[in-house]
Amino acid sequence: FHFSRTFNTILGHSPYDYIMRRRLSEAAKNLLHTDEKIIDVALK
């Protein structure tokens, strides 16, 4: 509870939202700059 509230206060994102946005950002870079299959990027 303390972590979730503090993380959101300081970063402006919930921990879940931050992790999702970081994973999607890196996944998008993989799609742009590699030939990995989309399903493999998703699973990664």
ModelCIF file with pLDDT and N, C-alpha, C, O atoms, coordinates in Angstrom:
data_MODEL
#
_entry.id   MODEL 
#
_entity.id                         1 
_entity.type                       polymer 
_entity.pdbx_number_of_molecules   1 
#
_entity_poly.entity_id                      1 
_entity_poly.type                           'polypeptide(L)' 
_entity_poly.nstd_linkage                   no 
_entity_poly.nstd_monomer                   no 
_entity_poly.pdbx_seq_one_letter_code       FHFSRTFNTILGHSPYDYIMRRRLSEAAKNLLHTDEKIIDVALK 
_entity_poly.pdbx_seq_one_letter_code_can   FHFSRTFNTILGHSPYDYIMRRRLSEAAKNLLHTDEKIIDVALK 
_entity_poly.pdbx_strand_id                 A 
#
loop_
_entity_poly_seq.entity_id 
_entity_poly_seq.num 
_entity_poly_seq.mon_id 
_entity_poly_seq.hetero 
1 1  PHE n 
1 2  HIS n 
1 3  PHE n 
1 4  SER n 
1 5  ARG n 
1 6  THR n 
1 7  PHE n 
1 8  ASN n 
1 9  THR n 
1 10 ILE n 
1 11 LEU n 
1 12 GLY n 
1 13 HIS n 
1 14 SER n 
1 15 PRO n 
1 16 TYR n 
1 17 ASP n 
1 18 TYR n 
1 19 ILE n 
1 20 MET n 
1 21 ARG n 
1 22 ARG n 
1 23 ARG n 
1 24 LEU n 
1 25 SER n 
1 26 GLU n 
1 27 ALA n 
1 28 ALA n 
1 29 LYS n 
1 30 ASN n 
1 31 LEU n 
1 32 LEU n 
1 33 HIS n 
1 34 THR n 
1 35 ASP n 
1 36 GLU n 
1 37 LYS n 
1 38 ILE n 
1 39 ILE n 
1 40 ASP n 
1 41 VAL n 
1 42 ALA n 
1 43 LEU n 
1 44 LYS n 
#
_struct_asym.id          A 
_struct_asym.entity_id   1 
#
loop_
_ma_qa_metric.id 
_ma_qa_metric.mode 
_ma_qa_metric.name 
_ma_qa_metric.software_group_id 
_ma_qa_metric.type 
1 global pLDDT . pLDDT 
2 local  pLDDT . pLDDT 
#
_ma_qa_metric_global.metric_id      1 
_ma_qa_metric_global.metric_value   96.91 
_ma_qa_metric_global.model_id       1 
_ma_qa_metric_global.ordinal_id     1 
#
loop_
_ma_qa_metric_local.label_asym_id 
_ma_qa_metric_local.label_comp_id 
_ma_qa_metric_local.label_seq_id 
_ma_qa_metric_local.metric_id 
_ma_qa_metric_local.metric_value 
_ma_qa_metric_local.model_id 
_ma_qa_metric_local.ordinal_id 
A PHE 1  2 97.00 1 1  
A HIS 2  2 97.00 1 2  
A PHE 3  2 98.00 1 3  
A SER 4  2 97.00 1 4  
A ARG 5  2 97.00 1 5  
A THR 6  2 97.00 1 6  
A PHE 7  2 98.00 1 7  
A ASN 8  2 97.00 1 8  
A THR 9  2 95.00 1 9  
A ILE 10 2 96.00 1 10 
A LEU 11 2 96.00 1 11 
A GLY 12 2 95.00 1 12 
A HIS 13 2 97.00 1 13 
A SER 14 2 97.00 1 14 
A PRO 15 2 98.00 1 15 
A TYR 16 2 97.00 1 16 
A ASP 17 2 97.00 1 17 
A TYR 18 2 98.00 1 18 
A ILE 19 2 98.00 1 19 
A MET 20 2 98.00 1 20 
A ARG 21 2 98.00 1 21 
A ARG 22 2 98.00 1 22 
A ARG 23 2 98.00 1 23 
A LEU 24 2 98.00 1 24 
A SER 25 2 97.00 1 25 
A GLU 26 2 98.00 1 26 
A ALA 27 2 98.00 1 27 
A ALA 28 2 97.00 1 28 
A LYS 29 2 96.00 1 29 
A ASN 30 2 97.00 1 30 
A LEU 31 2 97.00 1 31 
A LEU 32 2 95.00 1 32 
A HIS 33 2 95.00 1 33 
A THR 34 2 96.00 1 34 
A ASP 35 2 95.00 1 35 
A GLU 36 2 96.00 1 36 
A LYS 37 2 96.00 1 37 
A ILE 38 2 97.00 1 38 
A ILE 39 2 97.00 1 39 
A ASP 40 2 97.00 1 40 
A VAL 41 2 97.00 1 41 
A ALA 42 2 97.00 1 42 
A LEU 43 2 97.00 1 43 
A LYS 44 2 97.00 1 44 
#
loop_
_atom_site.group_PDB 
_atom_site.id 
_atom_site.type_symbol 
_atom_site.label_atom_id 
_atom_site.label_alt_id 
_atom_site.label_comp_id 
_atom_site.label_asym_id 
_atom_site.label_entity_id 
_atom_site.label_seq_id 
_atom_site.pdbx_PDB_ins_code 
_atom_site.Cartn_x 
_atom_site.Cartn_y 
_atom_site.Cartn_z 
_atom_site.occupancy 
_atom_site.B_iso_or_equiv 
_atom_site.pdbx_formal_charge 
_atom_site.auth_seq_id 
_atom_site.auth_comp_id 
_atom_site.auth_asym_id 
_atom_site.auth_atom_id 
_atom_site.pdbx_PDB_model_num 
ATOM 1   N N  . PHE A 1 1  ? 0.823  -1.202  0.000   1.00 97.00 ? 1  PHE A N  1 
ATOM 2   C CA . PHE A 1 1  ? 0.000  0.000   0.000   1.00 97.00 ? 1  PHE A CA 1 
ATOM 3   C C  . PHE A 1 1  ? 0.862  1.258   0.000   1.00 97.00 ? 1  PHE A C  1 
ATOM 4   O O  . PHE A 1 1  ? 0.633  2.170   -0.795  1.00 97.00 ? 1  PHE A O  1 
ATOM 5   N N  . HIS A 1 2  ? 1.850  1.309   0.887   1.00 97.00 ? 2  HIS A N  1 
ATOM 6   C CA . HIS A 1 2  ? 2.710  2.493   0.979   1.00 97.00 ? 2  HIS A CA 1 
ATOM 7   C C  . HIS A 1 2  ? 3.502  2.693   -0.314  1.00 97.00 ? 2  HIS A C  1 
ATOM 8   O O  . HIS A 1 2  ? 3.665  3.821   -0.780  1.00 97.00 ? 2  HIS A O  1 
ATOM 9   N N  . PHE A 1 3  ? 3.986  1.603   -0.883  1.00 98.00 ? 3  PHE A N  1 
ATOM 10  C CA . PHE A 1 3  ? 4.749  1.706   -2.124  1.00 98.00 ? 3  PHE A CA 1 
ATOM 11  C C  . PHE A 1 3  ? 3.884  2.258   -3.258  1.00 98.00 ? 3  PHE A C  1 
ATOM 12  O O  . PHE A 1 3  ? 4.292  3.186   -3.957  1.00 98.00 ? 3  PHE A O  1 
ATOM 13  N N  . SER A 1 4  ? 2.692  1.687   -3.440  1.00 97.00 ? 4  SER A N  1 
ATOM 14  C CA . SER A 1 4  ? 1.831  2.110   -4.560  1.00 97.00 ? 4  SER A CA 1 
ATOM 15  C C  . SER A 1 4  ? 1.476  3.591   -4.446  1.00 97.00 ? 4  SER A C  1 
ATOM 16  O O  . SER A 1 4  ? 1.502  4.324   -5.435  1.00 97.00 ? 4  SER A O  1 
ATOM 17  N N  . ARG A 1 5  ? 1.148  4.016   -3.236  1.00 97.00 ? 5  ARG A N  1 
ATOM 18  C CA . ARG A 1 5  ? 0.774  5.426   -3.030  1.00 97.00 ? 5  ARG A CA 1 
ATOM 19  C C  . ARG A 1 5  ? 1.974  6.347   -3.240  1.00 97.00 ? 5  ARG A C  1 
ATOM 20  O O  . ARG A 1 5  ? 1.845  7.392   -3.877  1.00 97.00 ? 5  ARG A O  1 
ATOM 21  N N  . THR A 1 6  ? 3.134  5.973   -2.713  1.00 97.00 ? 6  THR A N  1 
ATOM 22  C CA . THR A 1 6  ? 4.327  6.808   -2.831  1.00 97.00 ? 6  THR A CA 1 
ATOM 23  C C  . THR A 1 6  ? 4.823  6.876   -4.266  1.00 97.00 ? 6  THR A C  1 
ATOM 24  O O  . THR A 1 6  ? 5.191  7.948   -4.747  1.00 97.00 ? 6  THR A O  1 
ATOM 25  N N  . PHE A 1 7  ? 4.835  5.751   -4.945  1.00 98.00 ? 7  PHE A N  1 
ATOM 26  C CA . PHE A 1 7  ? 5.278  5.706   -6.338  1.00 98.00 ? 7  PHE A CA 1 
ATOM 27  C C  . PHE A 1 7  ? 4.414  6.628   -7.200  1.00 98.00 ? 7  PHE A C  1 
ATOM 28  O O  . PHE A 1 7  ? 4.930  7.404   -8.004  1.00 98.00 ? 7  PHE A O  1 
ATOM 29  N N  . ASN A 1 8  ? 3.104  6.535   -7.023  1.00 97.00 ? 8  ASN A N  1 
ATOM 30  C CA . ASN A 1 8  ? 2.181  7.361   -7.814  1.00 97.00 ? 8  ASN A CA 1 
ATOM 31  C C  . ASN A 1 8  ? 2.366  8.838   -7.508  1.00 97.00 ? 8  ASN A C  1 
ATOM 32  O O  . ASN A 1 8  ? 2.324  9.666   -8.419  1.00 97.00 ? 8  ASN A O  1 
ATOM 33  N N  . THR A 1 9  ? 2.571  9.181   -6.245  1.00 95.00 ? 9  THR A N  1 
ATOM 34  C CA . THR A 1 9  ? 2.762  10.574  -5.853  1.00 95.00 ? 9  THR A CA 1 
ATOM 35  C C  . THR A 1 9  ? 4.026  11.167  -6.470  1.00 95.00 ? 9  THR A C  1 
ATOM 36  O O  . THR A 1 9  ? 4.008  12.295  -6.962  1.00 95.00 ? 9  THR A O  1 
ATOM 37  N N  . ILE A 1 10 ? 5.118  10.412  -6.445  1.00 96.00 ? 10 ILE A N  1 
ATOM 38  C CA . ILE A 1 10 ? 6.405  10.934  -6.899  1.00 96.00 ? 10 ILE A CA 1 
ATOM 39  C C  . ILE A 1 10 ? 6.559  10.875  -8.404  1.00 96.00 ? 10 ILE A C  1 
ATOM 40  O O  . ILE A 1 10 ? 7.112  11.797  -9.002  1.00 96.00 ? 10 ILE A O  1 
ATOM 41  N N  . LEU A 1 11 ? 6.079  9.803   -9.034  1.00 96.00 ? 11 LEU A N  1 
ATOM 42  C CA . LEU A 1 11 ? 6.311  9.620   -10.469 1.00 96.00 ? 11 LEU A CA 1 
ATOM 43  C C  . LEU A 1 11 ? 5.149  10.070  -11.341 1.00 96.00 ? 11 LEU A C  1 
ATOM 44  O O  . LEU A 1 11 ? 5.326  10.334  -12.531 1.00 96.00 ? 11 LEU A O  1 
ATOM 45  N N  . GLY A 1 12 ? 3.941  10.160  -10.742 1.00 95.00 ? 12 GLY A N  1 
ATOM 46  C CA . GLY A 1 12 ? 2.783  10.550  -11.538 1.00 95.00 ? 12 GLY A CA 1 
ATOM 47  C C  . GLY A 1 12 ? 2.151  9.399   -12.294 1.00 95.00 ? 12 GLY A C  1 
ATOM 48  O O  . GLY A 1 12 ? 1.241  9.606   -13.096 1.00 95.00 ? 12 GLY A O  1 
ATOM 49  N N  . HIS A 1 13 ? 2.624  8.190   -12.048 1.00 97.00 ? 13 HIS A N  1 
ATOM 50  C CA . HIS A 1 13 ? 2.059  6.969   -12.624 1.00 97.00 ? 13 HIS A CA 1 
ATOM 51  C C  . HIS A 1 13 ? 1.899  5.948   -11.513 1.00 97.00 ? 13 HIS A C  1 
ATOM 52  O O  . HIS A 1 13 ? 2.715  5.902   -10.592 1.00 97.00 ? 13 HIS A O  1 
ATOM 53  N N  . SER A 1 14 ? 0.864  5.133   -11.587 1.00 97.00 ? 14 SER A N  1 
ATOM 54  C CA . SER A 1 14 ? 0.819  3.973   -10.701 1.00 97.00 ? 14 SER A CA 1 
ATOM 55  C C  . SER A 1 14 ? 1.931  3.017   -11.113 1.00 97.00 ? 14 SER A C  1 
ATOM 56  O O  . SER A 1 14 ? 2.384  3.064   -12.256 1.00 97.00 ? 14 SER A O  1 
ATOM 57  N N  . PRO A 1 15 ? 2.382  2.149   -10.206 1.00 98.00 ? 15 PRO A N  1 
ATOM 58  C CA . PRO A 1 15 ? 3.420  1.192   -10.601 1.00 98.00 ? 15 PRO A CA 1 
ATOM 59  C C  . PRO A 1 15 ? 3.015  0.356   -11.805 1.00 98.00 ? 15 PRO A C  1 
ATOM 60  O O  . PRO A 1 15 ? 3.827  0.116   -12.698 1.00 98.00 ? 15 PRO A O  1 
ATOM 61  N N  . TYR A 1 16 ? 1.772  -0.086  -11.834 1.00 97.00 ? 16 TYR A N  1 
ATOM 62  C CA . TYR A 1 16 ? 1.308  -0.906  -12.957 1.00 97.00 ? 16 TYR A CA 1 
ATOM 63  C C  . TYR A 1 16 ? 1.357  -0.112  -14.260 1.00 97.00 ? 16 TYR A C  1 
ATOM 64  O O  . TYR A 1 16 ? 1.820  -0.618  -15.282 1.00 97.00 ? 16 TYR A O  1 
ATOM 65  N N  . ASP A 1 17 ? 0.880  1.127   -14.225 1.00 97.00 ? 17 ASP A N  1 
ATOM 66  C CA . ASP A 1 17 ? 0.878  1.958   -15.423 1.00 97.00 ? 17 ASP A CA 1 
ATOM 67  C C  . ASP A 1 17 ? 2.304  2.205   -15.912 1.00 97.00 ? 17 ASP A C  1 
ATOM 68  O O  . ASP A 1 17 ? 2.570  2.154   -17.113 1.00 97.00 ? 17 ASP A O  1 
ATOM 69  N N  . TYR A 1 18 ? 3.203  2.468   -14.995 1.00 98.00 ? 18 TYR A N  1 
ATOM 70  C CA . TYR A 1 18 ? 4.600  2.709   -15.379 1.00 98.00 ? 18 TYR A CA 1 
ATOM 71  C C  . TYR A 1 18 ? 5.200  1.468   -16.043 1.00 98.00 ? 18 TYR A C  1 
ATOM 72  O O  . TYR A 1 18 ? 5.823  1.563   -17.101 1.00 98.00 ? 18 TYR A O  1 
ATOM 73  N N  . ILE A 1 19 ? 5.010  0.307   -15.417 1.00 98.00 ? 19 ILE A N  1 
ATOM 74  C CA . ILE A 1 19 ? 5.581  -0.924  -15.980 1.00 98.00 ? 19 ILE A CA 1 
ATOM 75  C C  . ILE A 1 19 ? 5.000  -1.196  -17.369 1.00 98.00 ? 19 ILE A C  1 
ATOM 76  O O  . ILE A 1 19 ? 5.729  -1.562  -18.291 1.00 98.00 ? 19 ILE A O  1 
ATOM 77  N N  . MET A 1 20 ? 3.693  -1.018  -17.512 1.00 98.00 ? 20 MET A N  1 
ATOM 78  C CA . MET A 1 20 ? 3.070  -1.236  -18.821 1.00 98.00 ? 20 MET A CA 1 
ATOM 79  C C  . MET A 1 20 ? 3.631  -0.283  -19.870 1.00 98.00 ? 20 MET A C  1 
ATOM 80  O O  . MET A 1 20 ? 3.939  -0.704  -20.986 1.00 98.00 ? 20 MET A O  1 
ATOM 81  N N  . ARG A 1 21 ? 3.768  0.996   -19.524 1.00 98.00 ? 21 ARG A N  1 
ATOM 82  C CA . ARG A 1 21 ? 4.256  1.987   -20.495 1.00 98.00 ? 21 ARG A CA 1 
ATOM 83  C C  . ARG A 1 21 ? 5.719  1.748   -20.854 1.00 98.00 ? 21 ARG A C  1 
ATOM 84  O O  . ARG A 1 21 ? 6.116  1.941   -22.003 1.00 98.00 ? 21 ARG A O  1 
ATOM 85  N N  . ARG A 1 22 ? 6.514  1.332   -19.887 1.00 98.00 ? 22 ARG A N  1 
ATOM 86  C CA . ARG A 1 22 ? 7.907  1.030   -20.199 1.00 98.00 ? 22 ARG A CA 1 
ATOM 87  C C  . ARG A 1 22 ? 8.013  -0.210  -21.075 1.00 98.00 ? 22 ARG A C  1 
ATOM 88  O O  . ARG A 1 22 ? 8.795  -0.227  -22.025 1.00 98.00 ? 22 ARG A O  1 
ATOM 89  N N  . ARG A 1 23 ? 7.243  -1.244  -20.772 1.00 98.00 ? 23 ARG A N  1 
ATOM 90  C CA . ARG A 1 23 ? 7.281  -2.455  -21.594 1.00 98.00 ? 23 ARG A CA 1 
ATOM 91  C C  . ARG A 1 23 ? 6.803  -2.163  -23.016 1.00 98.00 ? 23 ARG A C  1 
ATOM 92  O O  . ARG A 1 23 ? 7.412  -2.621  -23.983 1.00 98.00 ? 23 ARG A O  1 
ATOM 93  N N  . LEU A 1 24 ? 5.731  -1.414  -23.141 1.00 98.00 ? 24 LEU A N  1 
ATOM 94  C CA . LEU A 1 24 ? 5.219  -1.083  -24.469 1.00 98.00 ? 24 LEU A CA 1 
ATOM 95  C C  . LEU A 1 24 ? 6.196  -0.204  -25.242 1.00 98.00 ? 24 LEU A C  1 
ATOM 96  O O  . LEU A 1 24 ? 6.338  -0.349  -26.456 1.00 98.00 ? 24 LEU A O  1 
ATOM 97  N N  . SER A 1 25 ? 6.866  0.704   -24.543 1.00 97.00 ? 25 SER A N  1 
ATOM 98  C CA . SER A 1 25 ? 7.855  1.566   -25.203 1.00 97.00 ? 25 SER A CA 1 
ATOM 99  C C  . SER A 1 25 ? 9.000  0.736   -25.771 1.00 97.00 ? 25 SER A C  1 
ATOM 100 O O  . SER A 1 25 ? 9.415  0.946   -26.911 1.00 97.00 ? 25 SER A O  1 
ATOM 101 N N  . GLU A 1 26 ? 9.509  -0.203  -24.983 1.00 98.00 ? 26 GLU A N  1 
ATOM 102 C CA . GLU A 1 26 ? 10.601 -1.044  -25.464 1.00 98.00 ? 26 GLU A CA 1 
ATOM 103 C C  . GLU A 1 26 ? 10.124 -1.997  -26.544 1.00 98.00 ? 26 GLU A C  1 
ATOM 104 O O  . GLU A 1 26 ? 10.860 -2.292  -27.486 1.00 98.00 ? 26 GLU A O  1 
ATOM 105 N N  . ALA A 1 27 ? 8.891  -2.482  -26.413 1.00 98.00 ? 27 ALA A N  1 
ATOM 106 C CA . ALA A 1 27 ? 8.333  -3.344  -27.452 1.00 98.00 ? 27 ALA A CA 1 
ATOM 107 C C  . ALA A 1 27 ? 8.213  -2.590  -28.778 1.00 98.00 ? 27 ALA A C  1 
ATOM 108 O O  . ALA A 1 27 ? 8.515  -3.137  -29.839 1.00 98.00 ? 27 ALA A O  1 
ATOM 109 N N  . ALA A 1 28 ? 7.772  -1.337  -28.711 1.00 97.00 ? 28 ALA A N  1 
ATOM 110 C CA . ALA A 1 28 ? 7.654  -0.530  -29.932 1.00 97.00 ? 28 ALA A CA 1 
ATOM 111 C C  . ALA A 1 28 ? 9.014  -0.337  -30.590 1.00 97.00 ? 28 ALA A C  1 
ATOM 112 O O  . ALA A 1 28 ? 9.122  -0.391  -31.815 1.00 97.00 ? 28 ALA A O  1 
ATOM 113 N N  . LYS A 1 29 ? 10.045 -0.114  -29.796 1.00 96.00 ? 29 LYS A N  1 
ATOM 114 C CA . LYS A 1 29 ? 11.397 0.045   -30.346 1.00 96.00 ? 29 LYS A CA 1 
ATOM 115 C C  . LYS A 1 29 ? 11.854 -1.255  -31.020 1.00 96.00 ? 29 LYS A C  1 
ATOM 116 O O  . LYS A 1 29 ? 12.526 -1.216  -32.050 1.00 96.00 ? 29 LYS A O  1 
ATOM 117 N N  . ASN A 1 30 ? 11.490 -2.407  -30.437 1.00 97.00 ? 30 ASN A N  1 
ATOM 118 C CA . ASN A 1 30 ? 11.802 -3.690  -31.064 1.00 97.00 ? 30 ASN A CA 1 
ATOM 119 C C  . ASN A 1 30 ? 11.127 -3.809  -32.420 1.00 97.00 ? 30 ASN A C  1 
ATOM 120 O O  . ASN A 1 30 ? 11.735 -4.276  -33.383 1.00 97.00 ? 30 ASN A O  1 
ATOM 121 N N  . LEU A 1 31 ? 9.864  -3.384  -32.499 1.00 97.00 ? 31 LEU A N  1 
ATOM 122 C CA . LEU A 1 31 ? 9.129  -3.462  -33.767 1.00 97.00 ? 31 LEU A CA 1 
ATOM 123 C C  . LEU A 1 31 ? 9.727  -2.530  -34.814 1.00 97.00 ? 31 LEU A C  1 
ATOM 124 O O  . LEU A 1 31 ? 9.724  -2.840  -36.006 1.00 97.00 ? 31 LEU A O  1 
ATOM 125 N N  . LEU A 1 32 ? 10.233 -1.404  -34.370 1.00 95.00 ? 32 LEU A N  1 
ATOM 126 C CA . LEU A 1 32 ? 10.819 -0.436  -35.294 1.00 95.00 ? 32 LEU A CA 1 
ATOM 127 C C  . LEU A 1 32 ? 12.196 -0.862  -35.797 1.00 95.00 ? 32 LEU A C  1 
ATOM 128 O O  . LEU A 1 32 ? 12.533 -0.645  -36.961 1.00 95.00 ? 32 LEU A O  1 
ATOM 129 N N  . HIS A 1 33 ? 12.984 -1.464  -34.922 1.00 95.00 ? 33 HIS A N  1 
ATOM 130 C CA . HIS A 1 33 ? 14.405 -1.611  -35.225 1.00 95.00 ? 33 HIS A CA 1 
ATOM 131 C C  . HIS A 1 33 ? 14.910 -3.048  -35.317 1.00 95.00 ? 33 HIS A C  1 
ATOM 132 O O  . HIS A 1 33 ? 16.097 -3.269  -35.558 1.00 95.00 ? 33 HIS A O  1 
ATOM 133 N N  . THR A 1 34 ? 14.023 -4.028  -35.129 1.00 96.00 ? 34 THR A N  1 
ATOM 134 C CA . THR A 1 34 ? 14.434 -5.419  -35.285 1.00 96.00 ? 34 THR A CA 1 
ATOM 135 C C  . THR A 1 34 ? 13.432 -6.132  -36.181 1.00 96.00 ? 34 THR A C  1 
ATOM 136 O O  . THR A 1 34 ? 12.421 -5.558  -36.584 1.00 96.00 ? 34 THR A O  1 
ATOM 137 N N  . ASP A 1 35 ? 13.724 -7.383  -36.483 1.00 95.00 ? 35 ASP A N  1 
ATOM 138 C CA . ASP A 1 35 ? 12.805 -8.211  -37.276 1.00 95.00 ? 35 ASP A CA 1 
ATOM 139 C C  . ASP A 1 35 ? 12.170 -9.306  -36.431 1.00 95.00 ? 35 ASP A C  1 
ATOM 140 O O  . ASP A 1 35 ? 11.661 -10.288 -36.969 1.00 95.00 ? 35 ASP A O  1 
ATOM 141 N N  . GLU A 1 36 ? 12.197 -9.143  -35.105 1.00 96.00 ? 36 GLU A N  1 
ATOM 142 C CA . GLU A 1 36 ? 11.524 -10.108 -34.244 1.00 96.00 ? 36 GLU A CA 1 
ATOM 143 C C  . GLU A 1 36 ? 10.038 -10.177 -34.590 1.00 96.00 ? 36 GLU A C  1 
ATOM 144 O O  . GLU A 1 36 ? 9.422  -9.154  -34.891 1.00 96.00 ? 36 GLU A O  1 
ATOM 145 N N  . LYS A 1 37 ? 9.464  -11.373 -34.549 1.00 96.00 ? 37 LYS A N  1 
ATOM 146 C CA . LYS A 1 37 ? 8.042  -11.521 -34.800 1.00 96.00 ? 37 LYS A CA 1 
ATOM 147 C C  . LYS A 1 37 ? 7.241  -10.785 -33.724 1.00 96.00 ? 37 LYS A C  1 
ATOM 148 O O  . LYS A 1 37 ? 7.655  -10.704 -32.567 1.00 96.00 ? 37 LYS A O  1 
ATOM 149 N N  . ILE A 1 38 ? 6.098  -10.256 -34.127 1.00 97.00 ? 38 ILE A N  1 
ATOM 150 C CA . ILE A 1 38 ? 5.278  -9.490  -33.184 1.00 97.00 ? 38 ILE A CA 1 
ATOM 151 C C  . ILE A 1 38 ? 4.882  -10.349 -31.994 1.00 97.00 ? 38 ILE A C  1 
ATOM 152 O O  . ILE A 1 38 ? 4.903  -9.867  -30.861 1.00 97.00 ? 38 ILE A O  1 
ATOM 153 N N  . ILE A 1 39 ? 4.524  -11.598 -32.217 1.00 97.00 ? 39 ILE A N  1 
ATOM 154 C CA . ILE A 1 39 ? 4.135  -12.463 -31.107 1.00 97.00 ? 39 ILE A CA 1 
ATOM 155 C C  . ILE A 1 39 ? 5.304  -12.683 -30.154 1.00 97.00 ? 39 ILE A C  1 
ATOM 156 O O  . ILE A 1 39 ? 5.110  -12.763 -28.941 1.00 97.00 ? 39 ILE A O  1 
ATOM 157 N N  . ASP A 1 40 ? 6.517  -12.781 -30.695 1.00 97.00 ? 40 ASP A N  1 
ATOM 158 C CA . ASP A 1 40 ? 7.696  -12.968 -29.843 1.00 97.00 ? 40 ASP A CA 1 
ATOM 159 C C  . ASP A 1 40 ? 7.985  -11.716 -29.014 1.00 97.00 ? 40 ASP A C  1 
ATOM 160 O O  . ASP A 1 40 ? 8.385  -11.808 -27.853 1.00 97.00 ? 40 ASP A O  1 
ATOM 161 N N  . VAL A 1 41 ? 7.777  -10.540 -29.626 1.00 97.00 ? 41 VAL A N  1 
ATOM 162 C CA . VAL A 1 41 ? 7.956  -9.289  -28.886 1.00 97.00 ? 41 VAL A CA 1 
ATOM 163 C C  . VAL A 1 41 ? 6.921  -9.208  -27.760 1.00 97.00 ? 41 VAL A C  1 
ATOM 164 O O  . VAL A 1 41 ? 7.249  -8.824  -26.638 1.00 97.00 ? 41 VAL A O  1 
ATOM 165 N N  . ALA A 1 42 ? 5.673  -9.572  -28.064 1.00 97.00 ? 42 ALA A N  1 
ATOM 166 C CA . ALA A 1 42 ? 4.617  -9.541  -27.051 1.00 97.00 ? 42 ALA A CA 1 
ATOM 167 C C  . ALA A 1 42 ? 4.962  -10.453 -25.871 1.00 97.00 ? 42 ALA A C  1 
ATOM 168 O O  . ALA A 1 42 ? 4.846  -10.048 -24.714 1.00 97.00 ? 42 ALA A O  1 
ATOM 169 N N  . LEU A 1 43 ? 5.382  -11.673 -26.166 1.00 97.00 ? 43 LEU A N  1 
ATOM 170 C CA . LEU A 1 43 ? 5.720  -12.617 -25.107 1.00 97.00 ? 43 LEU A CA 1 
ATOM 171 C C  . LEU A 1 43 ? 6.940  -12.158 -24.313 1.00 97.00 ? 43 LEU A C  1 
ATOM 172 O O  . LEU A 1 43 ? 7.000  -12.330 -23.096 1.00 97.00 ? 43 LEU A O  1 
ATOM 173 N N  . LYS A 1 44 ? 7.908  -11.572 -25.013 1.00 97.00 ? 44 LYS A N  1 
ATOM 174 C CA . LYS A 1 44 ? 9.127  -11.084 -24.359 1.00 97.00 ? 44 LYS A CA 1 
ATOM 175 C C  . LYS A 1 44 ? 8.795  -10.075 -23.270 1.00 97.00 ? 44 LYS A C  1 
ATOM 176 O O  . LYS A 1 44 ? 9.698  -9.557  -22.613 1.00 97.00 ? 44 LYS A O  1 
#
